[in-house]
Amino acid sequence: MEINNKVLEFMPGNETVYKAVDMIMSEDPQDQLTFPEEFLNSLTPTGLPPYELKLQIGCIIMLLRNLAPSKGLCNGTRLIITKLQQNIIQAKSIDGTDVSHSPNPFDSISD
């Protein structure tokens, strides 16, 4: 993550920070005490993005799952960020394929 943060420092523009939502799915108050939010935020499981993700327009990102293999959106596909919104990251495939042109993002990836 340190390399990513260094690259962002040299890029023009503002960074947008996305944070994951971490909570225990248990009604038992003891579980809430055993696994505080700070602990959950410190976990970095392999194959998952970090709790705090810093991005900028023009950054290169990589898919971590197969979204639409028939359209080339497979695990490991590299994309360039074209727009950042509160709950949406719009990106274009490095090979030039625009996979986010639809107003409904799921329309553009459905098979």
PDB file of N, CA and C in Angstrom:
ATOM      1  N   MET A   1       0.810  -1.192   0.000  1.00  0.00           N
ATOM      2  CA  MET A   1       0.000   0.000   0.000  1.00  0.00           C
ATOM      3  C   MET A   1       0.853   1.256   0.000  1.00  0.00           C
ATOM      4  N   GLU A   2       2.042   1.188   0.559  1.00  0.00           N
ATOM      5  CA  GLU A   2       2.891   2.377   0.596  1.00  0.00           C
ATOM      6  C   GLU A   2       3.256   2.835  -0.808  1.00  0.00           C
ATOM      7  N   ILE A   3       3.496   1.893  -1.712  1.00  0.00           N
ATOM      8  CA  ILE A   3       3.832   2.255  -3.093  1.00  0.00           C
ATOM      9  C   ILE A   3       2.654   2.982  -3.731  1.00  0.00           C
ATOM     10  N   ASN A   4       1.451   2.467  -3.530  1.00  0.00           N
ATOM     11  CA  ASN A   4       0.256   3.108  -4.089  1.00  0.00           C
ATOM     12  C   ASN A   4       0.113   4.539  -3.579  1.00  0.00           C
ATOM     13  N   ASN A   5       0.325   4.743  -2.286  1.00  0.00           N
ATOM     14  CA  ASN A   5       0.200   6.084  -1.712  1.00  0.00           C
ATOM     15  C   ASN A   5       1.260   7.028  -2.266  1.00  0.00           C
ATOM     16  N   LYS A   6       2.473   6.534  -2.492  1.00  0.00           N
ATOM     17  CA  LYS A   6       3.539   7.366  -3.076  1.00  0.00           C
ATOM     18  C   LYS A   6       3.178   7.784  -4.499  1.00  0.00           C
ATOM     19  N   VAL A   7       2.633   6.865  -5.280  1.00  0.00           N
ATOM     20  CA  VAL A   7       2.234   7.186  -6.656  1.00  0.00           C
ATOM     21  C   VAL A   7       1.156   8.261  -6.645  1.00  0.00           C
ATOM     22  N   LEU A   8       0.194   8.154  -5.735  1.00  0.00           N
ATOM     23  CA  LEU A   8      -0.885   9.143  -5.648  1.00  0.00           C
ATOM     24  C   LEU A   8      -0.350  10.539  -5.332  1.00  0.00           C
ATOM     25  N   GLU A   9       0.721  10.609  -4.542  1.00  0.00           N
ATOM     26  CA  GLU A   9       1.304  11.904  -4.194  1.00  0.00           C
ATOM     27  C   GLU A   9       1.799  12.647  -5.432  1.00  0.00           C
ATOM     28  N   PHE A  10       2.264  11.919  -6.435  1.00  0.00           N
ATOM     29  CA  PHE A  10       2.827  12.535  -7.632  1.00  0.00           C
ATOM     30  C   PHE A  10       1.787  12.809  -8.715  1.00  0.00           C
ATOM     31  N   MET A  11       0.579  12.311  -8.538  1.00  0.00           N
ATOM     32  CA  MET A  11      -0.468  12.516  -9.542  1.00  0.00           C
ATOM     33  C   MET A  11      -1.205  13.822  -9.277  1.00  0.00           C
ATOM     34  N   PRO A  12      -1.557  14.552 -10.344  1.00  0.00           N
ATOM     35  CA  PRO A  12      -2.329  15.784 -10.146  1.00  0.00           C
ATOM     36  C   PRO A  12      -3.776  15.460  -9.774  1.00  0.00           C
ATOM     37  N   GLY A  13      -4.418  16.362  -9.084  1.00  0.00           N
ATOM     38  CA  GLY A  13      -5.819  16.172  -8.726  1.00  0.00           C
ATOM     39  C   GLY A  13      -5.991  15.739  -7.285  1.00  0.00           C
ATOM     40  N   ASN A  14      -7.243  15.670  -6.893  1.00  0.00           N
ATOM     41  CA  ASN A  14      -7.587  15.298  -5.520  1.00  0.00           C
ATOM     42  C   ASN A  14      -7.835  13.806  -5.422  1.00  0.00           C
ATOM     43  N   GLU A  15      -7.467  13.248  -4.287  1.00  0.00           N
ATOM     44  CA  GLU A  15      -7.757  11.831  -4.070  1.00  0.00           C
ATOM     45  C   GLU A  15      -9.104  11.692  -3.376  1.00  0.00           C
ATOM     46  N   THR A  16      -9.758  10.589  -3.664  1.00  0.00           N
ATOM     47  CA  THR A  16     -11.021  10.242  -3.024  1.00  0.00           C
ATOM     48  C   THR A  16     -10.757   9.021  -2.160  1.00  0.00           C
ATOM     49  N   VAL A  17     -11.250   9.049  -0.938  1.00  0.00           N
ATOM     50  CA  VAL A  17     -11.026   7.945  -0.010  1.00  0.00           C
ATOM     51  C   VAL A  17     -12.333   7.174   0.155  1.00  0.00           C
ATOM     52  N   TYR A  18     -12.262   5.877  -0.083  1.00  0.00           N
ATOM     53  CA  TYR A  18     -13.401   4.980   0.115  1.00  0.00           C
ATOM     54  C   TYR A  18     -13.081   4.098   1.317  1.00  0.00           C
ATOM     55  N   LYS A  19     -14.057   3.946   2.204  1.00  0.00           N
ATOM     56  CA  LYS A  19     -13.856   3.116   3.391  1.00  0.00           C
ATOM     57  C   LYS A  19     -14.856   1.968   3.386  1.00  0.00           C
ATOM     58  N   ALA A  20     -14.382   0.810   3.805  1.00  0.00           N
ATOM     59  CA  ALA A  20     -15.240  -0.368   3.896  1.00  0.00           C
ATOM     60  C   ALA A  20     -16.136  -0.244   5.130  1.00  0.00           C
ATOM     61  N   VAL A  21     -17.218  -0.970   5.117  1.00  0.00           N
ATOM     62  CA  VAL A  21     -18.107  -1.020   6.273  1.00  0.00           C
ATOM     63  C   VAL A  21     -17.819  -2.326   6.994  1.00  0.00           C
ATOM     64  N   ASP A  22     -17.383  -2.215   8.237  1.00  0.00           N
ATOM     65  CA  ASP A  22     -17.060  -3.397   9.032  1.00  0.00           C
ATOM     66  C   ASP A  22     -17.967  -3.447  10.247  1.00  0.00           C
ATOM     67  N   MET A  23     -18.630  -4.577  10.404  1.00  0.00           N
ATOM     68  CA  MET A  23     -19.446  -4.764  11.597  1.00  0.00           C
ATOM     69  C   MET A  23     -19.629  -6.256  11.841  1.00  0.00           C
ATOM     70  N   ILE A  24     -19.885  -6.579  13.075  1.00  0.00           N
ATOM     71  CA  ILE A  24     -20.146  -7.959  13.473  1.00  0.00           C
ATOM     72  C   ILE A  24     -21.626  -8.247  13.267  1.00  0.00           C
ATOM     73  N   MET A  25     -21.925  -9.350  12.615  1.00  0.00           N
ATOM     74  CA  MET A  25     -23.316  -9.745  12.388  1.00  0.00           C
ATOM     75  C   MET A  25     -23.768 -10.653  13.534  1.00  0.00           C
ATOM     76  N   SER A  26     -23.780 -10.088  14.731  1.00  0.00           N
ATOM     77  CA  SER A  26     -24.175 -10.840  15.912  1.00  0.00           C
ATOM     78  C   SER A  26     -24.887  -9.899  16.875  1.00  0.00           C
ATOM     79  N   GLU A  27     -25.903 -10.406  17.525  1.00  0.00           N
ATOM     80  CA  GLU A  27     -26.635  -9.614  18.517  1.00  0.00           C
ATOM     81  C   GLU A  27     -25.971  -9.690  19.887  1.00  0.00           C
ATOM     82  N   ASP A  28     -25.012 -10.600  20.043  1.00  0.00           N
ATOM     83  CA  ASP A  28     -24.341 -10.786  21.328  1.00  0.00           C
ATOM     84  C   ASP A  28     -23.393  -9.620  21.603  1.00  0.00           C
ATOM     85  N   PRO A  29     -23.630  -8.850  22.675  1.00  0.00           N
ATOM     86  CA  PRO A  29     -22.756  -7.708  22.981  1.00  0.00           C
ATOM     87  C   PRO A  29     -21.308  -8.129  23.238  1.00  0.00           C
ATOM     88  N   GLN A  30     -21.103  -9.366  23.687  1.00  0.00           N
ATOM     89  CA  GLN A  30     -19.737  -9.838  23.937  1.00  0.00           C
ATOM     90  C   GLN A  30     -18.947  -9.911  22.627  1.00  0.00           C
ATOM     91  N   ASP A  31     -19.609 -10.310  21.541  1.00  0.00           N
ATOM     92  CA  ASP A  31     -18.936 -10.345  20.240  1.00  0.00           C
ATOM     93  C   ASP A  31     -18.511  -8.947  19.809  1.00  0.00           C
ATOM     94  N   GLN A  32     -19.357  -7.956  20.100  1.00  0.00           N
ATOM     95  CA  GLN A  32     -19.025  -6.573  19.759  1.00  0.00           C
ATOM     96  C   GLN A  32     -17.772  -6.121  20.504  1.00  0.00           C
ATOM     97  N   LEU A  33     -17.612  -6.562  21.743  1.00  0.00           N
ATOM     98  CA  LEU A  33     -16.429  -6.200  22.528  1.00  0.00           C
ATOM     99  C   LEU A  33     -15.201  -6.988  22.096  1.00  0.00           C
ATOM    100  N   THR A  34     -15.407  -8.238  21.707  1.00  0.00           N
ATOM    101  CA  THR A  34     -14.290  -9.090  21.300  1.00  0.00           C
ATOM    102  C   THR A  34     -13.671  -8.621  19.993  1.00  0.00           C
ATOM    103  N   PHE A  35     -14.506  -8.149  19.071  1.00  0.00           N
ATOM    104  CA  PHE A  35     -14.030  -7.703  17.757  1.00  0.00           C
ATOM    105  C   PHE A  35     -14.396  -6.234  17.538  1.00  0.00           C
ATOM    106  N   PRO A  36     -13.665  -5.305  18.161  1.00  0.00           N
ATOM    107  CA  PRO A  36     -13.990  -3.888  17.969  1.00  0.00           C
ATOM    108  C   PRO A  36     -13.734  -3.447  16.529  1.00  0.00           C
ATOM    109  N   GLU A  37     -14.374  -2.365  16.143  1.00  0.00           N
ATOM    110  CA  GLU A  37     -14.269  -1.861  14.773  1.00  0.00           C
ATOM    111  C   GLU A  37     -12.818  -1.581  14.373  1.00  0.00           C
ATOM    112  N   GLU A  38     -12.018  -1.080  15.303  1.00  0.00           N
ATOM    113  CA  GLU A  38     -10.612  -0.791  15.003  1.00  0.00           C
ATOM    114  C   GLU A  38      -9.864  -2.064  14.602  1.00  0.00           C
ATOM    115  N   PHE A  39     -10.183  -3.174  15.282  1.00  0.00           N
ATOM    116  CA  PHE A  39      -9.554  -4.447  14.935  1.00  0.00           C
ATOM    117  C   PHE A  39      -9.973  -4.889  13.537  1.00  0.00           C
ATOM    118  N   LEU A  40     -11.262  -4.814  13.246  1.00  0.00           N
ATOM    119  CA  LEU A  40     -11.753  -5.221  11.927  1.00  0.00           C
ATOM    120  C   LEU A  40     -11.128  -4.371  10.821  1.00  0.00           C
ATOM    121  N   ASN A  41     -10.953  -3.073  11.073  1.00  0.00           N
ATOM    122  CA  ASN A  41     -10.370  -2.180  10.074  1.00  0.00           C
ATOM    123  C   ASN A  41      -8.894  -2.457   9.836  1.00  0.00           C
ATOM    124  N   SER A  42      -8.231  -3.107  10.784  1.00  0.00           N
ATOM    125  CA  SER A  42      -6.801  -3.385  10.635  1.00  0.00           C
ATOM    126  C   SER A  42      -6.529  -4.662   9.834  1.00  0.00           C
ATOM    127  N   LEU A  43      -7.547  -5.481   9.590  1.00  0.00           N
ATOM    128  CA  LEU A  43      -7.364  -6.735   8.858  1.00  0.00           C
ATOM    129  C   LEU A  43      -7.112  -6.464   7.379  1.00  0.00           C
ATOM    130  N   THR A  44      -6.199  -7.228   6.793  1.00  0.00           N
ATOM    131  CA  THR A  44      -5.904  -7.101   5.357  1.00  0.00           C
ATOM    132  C   THR A  44      -5.878  -8.490   4.723  1.00  0.00           C
ATOM    133  N   PRO A  45      -7.052  -9.115   4.550  1.00  0.00           N
ATOM    134  CA  PRO A  45      -7.089 -10.455   3.966  1.00  0.00           C
ATOM    135  C   PRO A  45      -6.623 -10.450   2.512  1.00  0.00           C
ATOM    136  N   THR A  46      -5.950 -11.505   2.123  1.00  0.00           N
ATOM    137  CA  THR A  46      -5.471 -11.650   0.756  1.00  0.00           C
ATOM    138  C   THR A  46      -6.646 -11.655  -0.213  1.00  0.00           C
ATOM    139  N   GLY A  47      -6.505 -10.917  -1.308  1.00  0.00           N
ATOM    140  CA  GLY A  47      -7.531 -10.892  -2.337  1.00  0.00           C
ATOM    141  C   GLY A  47      -8.629  -9.877  -2.112  1.00  0.00           C
ATOM    142  N   LEU A  48      -8.570  -9.160  -1.004  1.00  0.00           N
ATOM    143  CA  LEU A  48      -9.572  -8.135  -0.725  1.00  0.00           C
ATOM    144  C   LEU A  48      -8.895  -6.771  -0.644  1.00  0.00           C
ATOM    145  N   PRO A  49      -9.614  -5.725  -1.043  1.00  0.00           N
ATOM    146  CA  PRO A  49      -9.019  -4.392  -0.929  1.00  0.00           C
ATOM    147  C   PRO A  49      -8.877  -4.001   0.536  1.00  0.00           C
ATOM    148  N   PRO A  50      -8.024  -3.032   0.825  1.00  0.00           N
ATOM    149  CA  PRO A  50      -7.860  -2.597   2.215  1.00  0.00           C
ATOM    150  C   PRO A  50      -9.103  -1.874   2.719  1.00  0.00           C
ATOM    151  N   TYR A  51      -9.158  -1.675   4.022  1.00  0.00           N
ATOM    152  CA  TYR A  51     -10.290  -0.965   4.638  1.00  0.00           C
ATOM    153  C   TYR A  51     -10.431   0.430   4.045  1.00  0.00           C
ATOM    154  N   GLU A  52      -9.310   1.113   3.875  1.00  0.00           N
ATOM    155  CA  GLU A  52      -9.321   2.468   3.331  1.00  0.00           C
ATOM    156  C   GLU A  52      -8.641   2.452   1.969  1.00  0.00           C
ATOM    157  N   LEU A  53      -9.403   2.801   0.940  1.00  0.00           N
ATOM    158  CA  LEU A  53      -8.909   2.773  -0.434  1.00  0.00           C
ATOM    159  C   LEU A  53      -8.829   4.204  -0.954  1.00  0.00           C
ATOM    160  N   LYS A  54      -7.617   4.638  -1.322  1.00  0.00           N
ATOM    161  CA  LYS A  54      -7.409   5.994  -1.838  1.00  0.00           C
ATOM    162  C   LYS A  54      -7.243   5.914  -3.347  1.00  0.00           C
ATOM    163  N   LEU A  55      -8.067   6.679  -4.076  1.00  0.00           N
ATOM    164  CA  LEU A  55      -8.047   6.647  -5.536  1.00  0.00           C
ATOM    165  C   LEU A  55      -8.086   8.059  -6.104  1.00  0.00           C
ATOM    166  N   GLN A  56      -7.623   8.189  -7.351  1.00  0.00           N
ATOM    167  CA  GLN A  56      -7.703   9.438  -8.102  1.00  0.00           C
ATOM    168  C   GLN A  56      -8.067   9.114  -9.535  1.00  0.00           C
ATOM    169  N   ILE A  57      -8.663  10.087 -10.216  1.00  0.00           N
ATOM    170  CA  ILE A  57      -8.942   9.919 -11.639  1.00  0.00           C
ATOM    171  C   ILE A  57      -7.607   9.749 -12.356  1.00  0.00           C
ATOM    172  N   GLY A  58      -7.539   8.759 -13.225  1.00  0.00           N
ATOM    173  CA  GLY A  58      -6.314   8.449 -13.950  1.00  0.00           C
ATOM    174  C   GLY A  58      -5.508   7.320 -13.337  1.00  0.00           C
ATOM    175  N   CYS A  59      -5.881   6.889 -12.129  1.00  0.00           N
ATOM    176  CA  CYS A  59      -5.188   5.766 -11.486  1.00  0.00           C
ATOM    177  C   CYS A  59      -5.525   4.468 -12.211  1.00  0.00           C
ATOM    178  N   ILE A  60      -4.605   3.543 -12.168  1.00  0.00           N
ATOM    179  CA  ILE A  60      -4.848   2.211 -12.720  1.00  0.00           C
ATOM    180  C   ILE A  60      -5.267   1.303 -11.569  1.00  0.00           C
ATOM    181  N   ILE A  61      -6.361   0.591 -11.770  1.00  0.00           N
ATOM    182  CA  ILE A  61      -6.861  -0.353 -10.775  1.00  0.00           C
ATOM    183  C   ILE A  61      -6.972  -1.734 -11.410  1.00  0.00           C
ATOM    184  N   MET A  62      -7.130  -2.758 -10.585  1.00  0.00           N
ATOM    185  CA  MET A  62      -7.243  -4.126 -11.084  1.00  0.00           C
ATOM    186  C   MET A  62      -8.469  -4.789 -10.473  1.00  0.00           C
ATOM    187  N   LEU A  63      -9.234  -5.476 -11.309  1.00  0.00           N
ATOM    188  CA  LEU A  63     -10.392  -6.225 -10.808  1.00  0.00           C
ATOM    189  C   LEU A  63      -9.915  -7.394  -9.958  1.00  0.00           C
ATOM    190  N   LEU A  64     -10.628  -7.645  -8.871  1.00  0.00           N
ATOM    191  CA  LEU A  64     -10.293  -8.759  -7.992  1.00  0.00           C
ATOM    192  C   LEU A  64     -11.281  -9.910  -8.113  1.00  0.00           C
ATOM    193  N   ARG A  65     -12.237  -9.784  -9.045  1.00  0.00           N
ATOM    194  CA  ARG A  65     -13.200 -10.868  -9.264  1.00  0.00           C
ATOM    195  C   ARG A  65     -13.687 -10.828 -10.704  1.00  0.00           C
ATOM    196  N   ASN A  66     -14.272 -11.909 -11.142  1.00  0.00           N
ATOM    197  CA  ASN A  66     -14.841 -11.980 -12.487  1.00  0.00           C
ATOM    198  C   ASN A  66     -16.217 -11.321 -12.471  1.00  0.00           C
ATOM    199  N   LEU A  67     -16.344 -10.161 -13.128  1.00  0.00           N
ATOM    200  CA  LEU A  67     -17.636  -9.474 -13.202  1.00  0.00           C
ATOM    201  C   LEU A  67     -18.424  -9.908 -14.425  1.00  0.00           C
ATOM    202  N   ALA A  68     -17.775  -9.929 -15.577  1.00  0.00           N
ATOM    203  CA  ALA A  68     -18.424 -10.322 -16.833  1.00  0.00           C
ATOM    204  C   ALA A  68     -17.344 -10.867 -17.760  1.00  0.00           C
ATOM    205  N   PRO A  69     -16.982 -12.134 -17.608  1.00  0.00           N
ATOM    206  CA  PRO A  69     -15.901 -12.705 -18.421  1.00  0.00           C
ATOM    207  C   PRO A  69     -16.120 -12.569 -19.920  1.00  0.00           C
ATOM    208  N   SER A  70     -17.368 -12.654 -20.388  1.00  0.00           N
ATOM    209  CA  SER A  70     -17.621 -12.553 -21.829  1.00  0.00           C
ATOM    210  C   SER A  70     -17.297 -11.156 -22.368  1.00  0.00           C
ATOM    211  N   LYS A  71     -17.255 -10.161 -21.483  1.00  0.00           N
ATOM    212  CA  LYS A  71     -16.920  -8.794 -21.891  1.00  0.00           C
ATOM    213  C   LYS A  71     -15.497  -8.419 -21.505  1.00  0.00           C
ATOM    214  N   GLY A  72     -14.731  -9.394 -21.042  1.00  0.00           N
ATOM    215  CA  GLY A  72     -13.344  -9.141 -20.690  1.00  0.00           C
ATOM    216  C   GLY A  72     -13.132  -8.609 -19.286  1.00  0.00           C
ATOM    217  N   LEU A  73     -14.180  -8.590 -18.476  1.00  0.00           N
ATOM    218  CA  LEU A  73     -14.053  -8.107 -17.101  1.00  0.00           C
ATOM    219  C   LEU A  73     -13.786  -9.282 -16.168  1.00  0.00           C
ATOM    220  N   CYS A  74     -12.532  -9.718 -16.176  1.00  0.00           N
ATOM    221  CA  CYS A  74     -12.113 -10.887 -15.415  1.00  0.00           C
ATOM    222  C   CYS A  74     -11.143 -10.477 -14.310  1.00  0.00           C
ATOM    223  N   ASN A  75     -10.950 -11.374 -13.375  1.00  0.00           N
ATOM    224  CA  ASN A  75      -9.972 -11.171 -12.321  1.00  0.00           C
ATOM    225  C   ASN A  75      -8.623 -10.820 -12.952  1.00  0.00           C
ATOM    226  N   GLY A  76      -8.033  -9.711 -12.521  1.00  0.00           N
ATOM    227  CA  GLY A  76      -6.741  -9.292 -13.045  1.00  0.00           C
ATOM    228  C   GLY A  76      -6.813  -8.257 -14.157  1.00  0.00           C
ATOM    229  N   THR A  77      -8.008  -7.965 -14.670  1.00  0.00           N
ATOM    230  CA  THR A  77      -8.152  -6.954 -15.720  1.00  0.00           C
ATOM    231  C   THR A  77      -7.786  -5.588 -15.152  1.00  0.00           C
ATOM    232  N   ARG A  78      -6.973  -4.842 -15.899  1.00  0.00           N
ATOM    233  CA  ARG A  78      -6.567  -3.505 -15.459  1.00  0.00           C
ATOM    234  C   ARG A  78      -7.451  -2.451 -16.109  1.00  0.00           C
ATOM    235  N   LEU A  79      -7.848  -1.474 -15.296  1.00  0.00           N
ATOM    236  CA  LEU A  79      -8.732  -0.396 -15.726  1.00  0.00           C
ATOM    237  C   LEU A  79      -8.140   0.944 -15.307  1.00  0.00           C
ATOM    238  N   ILE A  80      -8.522   2.009 -16.028  1.00  0.00           N
ATOM    239  CA  ILE A  80      -8.129   3.370 -15.668  1.00  0.00           C
ATOM    240  C   ILE A  80      -9.371   4.080 -15.144  1.00  0.00           C
ATOM    241  N   ILE A  81      -9.267   4.700 -13.986  1.00  0.00           N
ATOM    242  CA  ILE A  81     -10.399   5.401 -13.388  1.00  0.00           C
ATOM    243  C   ILE A  81     -10.703   6.655 -14.197  1.00  0.00           C
ATOM    244  N   THR A  82     -11.987   6.808 -14.588  1.00  0.00           N
ATOM    245  CA  THR A  82     -12.410   7.979 -15.355  1.00  0.00           C
ATOM    246  C   THR A  82     -13.316   8.908 -14.547  1.00  0.00           C
ATOM    247  N   LYS A  83     -13.961   8.388 -13.504  1.00  0.00           N
ATOM    248  CA  LYS A  83     -14.856   9.212 -12.699  1.00  0.00           C
ATOM    249  C   LYS A  83     -15.004   8.573 -11.322  1.00  0.00           C
ATOM    250  N   LEU A  84     -15.020   9.413 -10.293  1.00  0.00           N
ATOM    251  CA  LEU A  84     -15.203   8.932  -8.926  1.00  0.00           C
ATOM    252  C   LEU A  84     -16.398   9.641  -8.306  1.00  0.00           C
ATOM    253  N   GLN A  85     -17.344   8.854  -7.814  1.00  0.00           N
ATOM    254  CA  GLN A  85     -18.502   9.397  -7.116  1.00  0.00           C
ATOM    255  C   GLN A  85     -18.566   8.762  -5.737  1.00  0.00           C
ATOM    256  N   GLN A  86     -19.539   9.173  -4.943  1.00  0.00           N
ATOM    257  CA  GLN A  86     -19.612   8.699  -3.568  1.00  0.00           C
ATOM    258  C   GLN A  86     -19.668   7.172  -3.475  1.00  0.00           C
ATOM    259  N   ASN A  87     -20.490   6.536  -4.300  1.00  0.00           N
ATOM    260  CA  ASN A  87     -20.647   5.083  -4.236  1.00  0.00           C
ATOM    261  C   ASN A  87     -20.318   4.386  -5.546  1.00  0.00           C
ATOM    262  N   ILE A  88     -19.725   5.101  -6.492  1.00  0.00           N
ATOM    263  CA  ILE A  88     -19.451   4.525  -7.808  1.00  0.00           C
ATOM    264  C   ILE A  88     -18.036   4.872  -8.248  1.00  0.00           C
ATOM    265  N   ILE A  89     -17.343   3.881  -8.761  1.00  0.00           N
ATOM    266  CA  ILE A  89     -16.046   4.088  -9.395  1.00  0.00           C
ATOM    267  C   ILE A  89     -16.230   3.736 -10.860  1.00  0.00           C
ATOM    268  N   GLN A  90     -16.114   4.730 -11.735  1.00  0.00           N
ATOM    269  CA  GLN A  90     -16.271   4.501 -13.174  1.00  0.00           C
ATOM    270  C   GLN A  90     -14.879   4.344 -13.768  1.00  0.00           C
ATOM    271  N   ALA A  91     -14.709   3.327 -14.602  1.00  0.00           N
ATOM    272  CA  ALA A  91     -13.394   3.048 -15.165  1.00  0.00           C
ATOM    273  C   ALA A  91     -13.505   2.563 -16.596  1.00  0.00           C
ATOM    274  N   LYS A  92     -12.397   2.667 -17.300  1.00  0.00           N
ATOM    275  CA  LYS A  92     -12.312   2.244 -18.694  1.00  0.00           C
ATOM    276  C   LYS A  92     -11.185   1.225 -18.788  1.00  0.00           C
ATOM    277  N   SER A  93     -11.418   0.173 -19.526  1.00  0.00           N
ATOM    278  CA  SER A  93     -10.403  -0.855 -19.695  1.00  0.00           C
ATOM    279  C   SER A  93      -9.171  -0.256 -20.361  1.00  0.00           C
ATOM    280  N   ILE A  94      -8.005  -0.699 -19.968  1.00  0.00           N
ATOM    281  CA  ILE A  94      -6.764  -0.172 -20.541  1.00  0.00           C
ATOM    282  C   ILE A  94      -6.717  -0.405 -22.044  1.00  0.00           C
ATOM    283  N   ASP A  95      -7.369  -1.458 -22.531  1.00  0.00           N
ATOM    284  CA  ASP A  95      -7.357  -1.714 -23.978  1.00  0.00           C
ATOM    285  C   ASP A  95      -8.316  -0.799 -24.737  1.00  0.00           C
ATOM    286  N   GLY A  96      -9.020   0.095 -24.018  1.00  0.00           N
ATOM    287  CA  GLY A  96      -9.877   1.083 -24.663  1.00  0.00           C
ATOM    288  C   GLY A  96     -11.352   0.762 -24.630  1.00  0.00           C
ATOM    289  N   THR A  97     -11.730  -0.403 -24.167  1.00  0.00           N
ATOM    290  CA  THR A  97     -13.138  -0.777 -24.098  1.00  0.00           C
ATOM    291  C   THR A  97     -13.802  -0.030 -22.951  1.00  0.00           C
ATOM    292  N   ASP A  98     -14.858   0.722 -23.248  1.00  0.00           N
ATOM    293  CA  ASP A  98     -15.583   1.445 -22.202  1.00  0.00           C
ATOM    294  C   ASP A  98     -16.669   0.531 -21.671  1.00  0.00           C
ATOM    295  N   VAL A  99     -16.520   0.089 -20.435  1.00  0.00           N
ATOM    296  CA  VAL A  99     -17.480  -0.848 -19.852  1.00  0.00           C
ATOM    297  C   VAL A  99     -18.454  -0.143 -18.926  1.00  0.00           C
ATOM    298  N   SER A 100     -18.402   1.172 -18.866  1.00  0.00           N
ATOM    299  CA  SER A 100     -19.236   1.887 -17.896  1.00  0.00           C
ATOM    300  C   SER A 100     -20.074   2.976 -18.547  1.00  0.00           C
ATOM    301  N   HIS A 101     -20.461   2.799 -19.812  1.00  0.00           N
ATOM    302  CA  HIS A 101     -21.202   3.831 -20.523  1.00  0.00           C
ATOM    303  C   HIS A 101     -22.684   3.863 -20.172  1.00  0.00           C
ATOM    304  N   SER A 102     -23.203   2.841 -19.562  1.00  0.00           N
ATOM    305  CA  SER A 102     -24.629   2.751 -19.262  1.00  0.00           C
ATOM    306  C   SER A 102     -24.975   3.533 -17.994  1.00  0.00           C
ATOM    307  N   PRO A 103     -26.140   4.208 -17.954  1.00  0.00           N
ATOM    308  CA  PRO A 103     -26.555   4.872 -16.719  1.00  0.00           C
ATOM    309  C   PRO A 103     -26.725   3.879 -15.574  1.00  0.00           C
ATOM    310  N   ASN A 104     -27.137   2.655 -15.893  1.00  0.00           N
ATOM    311  CA  ASN A 104     -27.220   1.603 -14.887  1.00  0.00           C
ATOM    312  C   ASN A 104     -25.956   0.766 -15.018  1.00  0.00           C
ATOM    313  N   PRO A 105     -25.039   0.827 -14.030  1.00  0.00           N
ATOM    314  CA  PRO A 105     -23.766   0.129 -14.187  1.00  0.00           C
ATOM    315  C   PRO A 105     -23.909  -1.364 -14.392  1.00  0.00           C
ATOM    316  N   PHE A 106     -25.008  -1.975 -13.929  1.00  0.00           N
ATOM    317  CA  PHE A 106     -25.160  -3.406 -14.097  1.00  0.00           C
ATOM    318  C   PHE A 106     -25.629  -3.773 -15.500  1.00  0.00           C
ATOM    319  N   ASP A 107     -26.200  -2.819 -16.241  1.00  0.00           N
ATOM    320  CA  ASP A 107     -26.568  -3.085 -17.631  1.00  0.00           C
ATOM    321  C   ASP A 107     -25.330  -3.331 -18.482  1.00  0.00           C
ATOM    322  N   SER A 108     -24.255  -2.611 -18.186  1.00  0.00           N
ATOM    323  CA  SER A 108     -23.071  -2.707 -19.030  1.00  0.00           C
ATOM    324  C   SER A 108     -22.253  -3.960 -18.768  1.00  0.00           C
ATOM    325  N   ILE A 109     -22.525  -4.676 -17.664  1.00  0.00           N
ATOM    326  CA  ILE A 109     -21.754  -5.880 -17.391  1.00  0.00           C
ATOM    327  C   ILE A 109     -22.593  -7.144 -17.432  1.00  0.00           C
ATOM    328  N   SER A 110     -23.884  -7.015 -17.707  1.00  0.00           N
ATOM    329  CA  SER A 110     -24.722  -8.211 -17.749  1.00  0.00           C
ATOM    330  C   SER A 110     -24.414  -9.012 -19.008  1.00  0.00           C
ATOM    331  N   ASP A 111     -24.547 -10.309 -18.874  1.00  0.00           N
ATOM    332  CA  ASP A 111     -24.239 -11.194 -20.019  1.00  0.00           C
ATOM    333  C   ASP A 111     -25.421 -11.377 -20.918  1.00  0.00           C
TER     334      ASP A 111
END
